[in-house]
């Protein structure tokens, strides 16, 4: 019986990316919510754009982490 070849370094890096993405998935909407609470402020649009970019980056980071994780499991 063969043991599966797993790359532990890739698995660790994939999990690390996923955990950072989950953290950003909570921080991004909080920033967007705080920008909507201060619509009259002069920094409304930059903070709103920053929150939206953070949410988009968290989705990108999550999928890249998932891709790295799968690559580590199947040793591609």
C-alpha atoms as a PDB file:
ATOM      1  CA  UNK A   1       0.000   0.000   0.000  1.00  0.00           C
ATOM      2  CA  UNK A   2       1.380   3.377  -1.027  1.00  0.00           C
ATOM      3  CA  UNK A   3       1.413   6.417   1.200  1.00  0.00           C
ATOM      4  CA  UNK A   4       0.154   9.576  -0.490  1.00  0.00           C
ATOM      5  CA  UNK A   5       2.738  12.200  -1.274  1.00  0.00           C
ATOM      6  CA  UNK A   6       1.763  15.417   0.439  1.00  0.00           C
ATOM      7  CA  UNK A   7       3.764  18.584   0.475  1.00  0.00           C
ATOM      8  CA  UNK A   8       3.467  19.895   4.021  1.00  0.00           C
ATOM      9  CA  UNK A   9       4.991  23.272   3.167  1.00  0.00           C
ATOM     10  CA  UNK A  10       2.357  23.946   0.489  1.00  0.00           C
ATOM     11  CA  UNK A  11      -0.414  22.805   2.816  1.00  0.00           C
ATOM     12  CA  UNK A  12       0.837  25.158   5.533  1.00  0.00           C
ATOM     13  CA  UNK A  13       1.092  28.088   3.104  1.00  0.00           C
ATOM     14  CA  UNK A  14      -2.404  27.360   1.762  1.00  0.00           C
ATOM     15  CA  UNK A  15      -3.885  27.278   5.263  1.00  0.00           C
ATOM     16  CA  UNK A  16      -2.055  30.478   6.128  1.00  0.00           C
ATOM     17  CA  UNK A  17      -3.535  32.252   3.082  1.00  0.00           C
ATOM     18  CA  UNK A  18      -7.018  30.971   3.899  1.00  0.00           C
ATOM     19  CA  UNK A  19      -6.797  32.155   7.515  1.00  0.00           C
ATOM     20  CA  UNK A  20      -5.651  35.623   6.424  1.00  0.00           C
ATOM     21  CA  UNK A  21      -8.499  35.710   3.890  1.00  0.00           C
ATOM     22  CA  UNK A  22     -11.043  34.814   6.580  1.00  0.00           C
ATOM     23  CA  UNK A  23      -9.693  37.619   8.754  1.00  0.00           C
ATOM     24  CA  UNK A  24     -10.015  40.069   5.851  1.00  0.00           C
ATOM     25  CA  UNK A  25     -13.558  38.807   5.173  1.00  0.00           C
ATOM     26  CA  UNK A  26     -14.543  40.195   8.558  1.00  0.00           C
ATOM     27  CA  UNK A  27     -12.488  43.401   8.445  1.00  0.00           C
ATOM     28  CA  UNK A  28     -13.612  44.475   4.933  1.00  0.00           C
ATOM     29  CA  UNK A  29     -17.357  44.656   5.678  1.00  0.00           C
ATOM     30  CA  UNK A  30     -16.648  46.422   8.977  1.00  0.00           C
ATOM     31  CA  UNK A  31     -14.754  49.136   7.072  1.00  0.00           C
ATOM     32  CA  UNK A  32     -17.555  49.384   4.497  1.00  0.00           C
ATOM     33  CA  UNK A  33     -20.141  49.685   7.287  1.00  0.00           C
ATOM     34  CA  UNK A  34     -18.145  52.420   9.011  1.00  0.00           C
ATOM     35  CA  UNK A  35     -17.873  54.345   5.741  1.00  0.00           C
ATOM     36  CA  UNK A  36     -21.670  54.170   5.262  1.00  0.00           C
ATOM     37  CA  UNK A  37     -22.133  55.533   8.789  1.00  0.00           C
ATOM     38  CA  UNK A  38     -20.082  58.627   7.838  1.00  0.00           C
ATOM     39  CA  UNK A  39     -21.462  59.528   4.411  1.00  0.00           C
ATOM     40  CA  UNK A  40     -20.944  63.249   4.916  1.00  0.00           C
ATOM     41  CA  UNK A  41     -17.247  62.931   5.729  1.00  0.00           C
ATOM     42  CA  UNK A  42     -14.679  63.925   3.115  1.00  0.00           C
ATOM     43  CA  UNK A  43     -12.970  60.505   3.402  1.00  0.00           C
ATOM     44  CA  UNK A  44     -16.193  58.611   2.586  1.00  0.00           C
ATOM     45  CA  UNK A  45     -15.246  57.468  -0.920  1.00  0.00           C
ATOM     46  CA  UNK A  46     -11.614  56.508  -0.188  1.00  0.00           C
ATOM     47  CA  UNK A  47     -12.665  54.442   2.852  1.00  0.00           C
ATOM     48  CA  UNK A  48     -15.508  52.816   0.900  1.00  0.00           C
ATOM     49  CA  UNK A  49     -13.175  51.935  -1.981  1.00  0.00           C
ATOM     50  CA  UNK A  50     -10.582  50.602   0.472  1.00  0.00           C
ATOM     51  CA  UNK A  51     -13.196  48.364   2.131  1.00  0.00           C
ATOM     52  CA  UNK A  52     -14.418  47.044  -1.225  1.00  0.00           C
ATOM     53  CA  UNK A  53     -10.852  46.342  -2.352  1.00  0.00           C
ATOM     54  CA  UNK A  54     -10.199  44.532   0.908  1.00  0.00           C
ATOM     55  CA  UNK A  55     -13.246  42.310   0.319  1.00  0.00           C
ATOM     56  CA  UNK A  56     -12.153  41.562  -3.241  1.00  0.00           C
ATOM     57  CA  UNK A  57      -8.609  40.816  -2.107  1.00  0.00           C
ATOM     58  CA  UNK A  58      -9.920  38.453   0.568  1.00  0.00           C
ATOM     59  CA  UNK A  59     -11.852  36.486  -2.067  1.00  0.00           C
ATOM     60  CA  UNK A  60      -8.773  36.325  -4.298  1.00  0.00           C
ATOM     61  CA  UNK A  61      -6.582  35.260  -1.381  1.00  0.00           C
ATOM     62  CA  UNK A  62      -9.074  32.590  -0.325  1.00  0.00           C
ATOM     63  CA  UNK A  63      -9.138  30.979  -3.770  1.00  0.00           C
ATOM     64  CA  UNK A  64      -5.363  31.174  -4.110  1.00  0.00           C
ATOM     65  CA  UNK A  65      -5.008  29.546  -0.693  1.00  0.00           C
ATOM     66  CA  UNK A  66      -7.473  26.842  -1.661  1.00  0.00           C
ATOM     67  CA  UNK A  67      -5.556  26.248  -4.872  1.00  0.00           C
ATOM     68  CA  UNK A  68      -2.271  26.004  -2.954  1.00  0.00           C
ATOM     69  CA  UNK A  69      -3.862  23.662  -0.431  1.00  0.00           C
ATOM     70  CA  UNK A  70      -5.181  21.302  -3.106  1.00  0.00           C
ATOM     71  CA  UNK A  71      -1.834  21.439  -4.880  1.00  0.00           C
ATOM     72  CA  UNK A  72      -0.138  20.432  -1.637  1.00  0.00           C
ATOM     73  CA  UNK A  73      -2.476  17.505  -1.105  1.00  0.00           C
ATOM     74  CA  UNK A  74      -2.214  16.110  -4.624  1.00  0.00           C
ATOM     75  CA  UNK A  75       1.432  17.186  -5.199  1.00  0.00           C
ATOM     76  CA  UNK A  76       0.876  18.778  -8.610  1.00  0.00           C
END
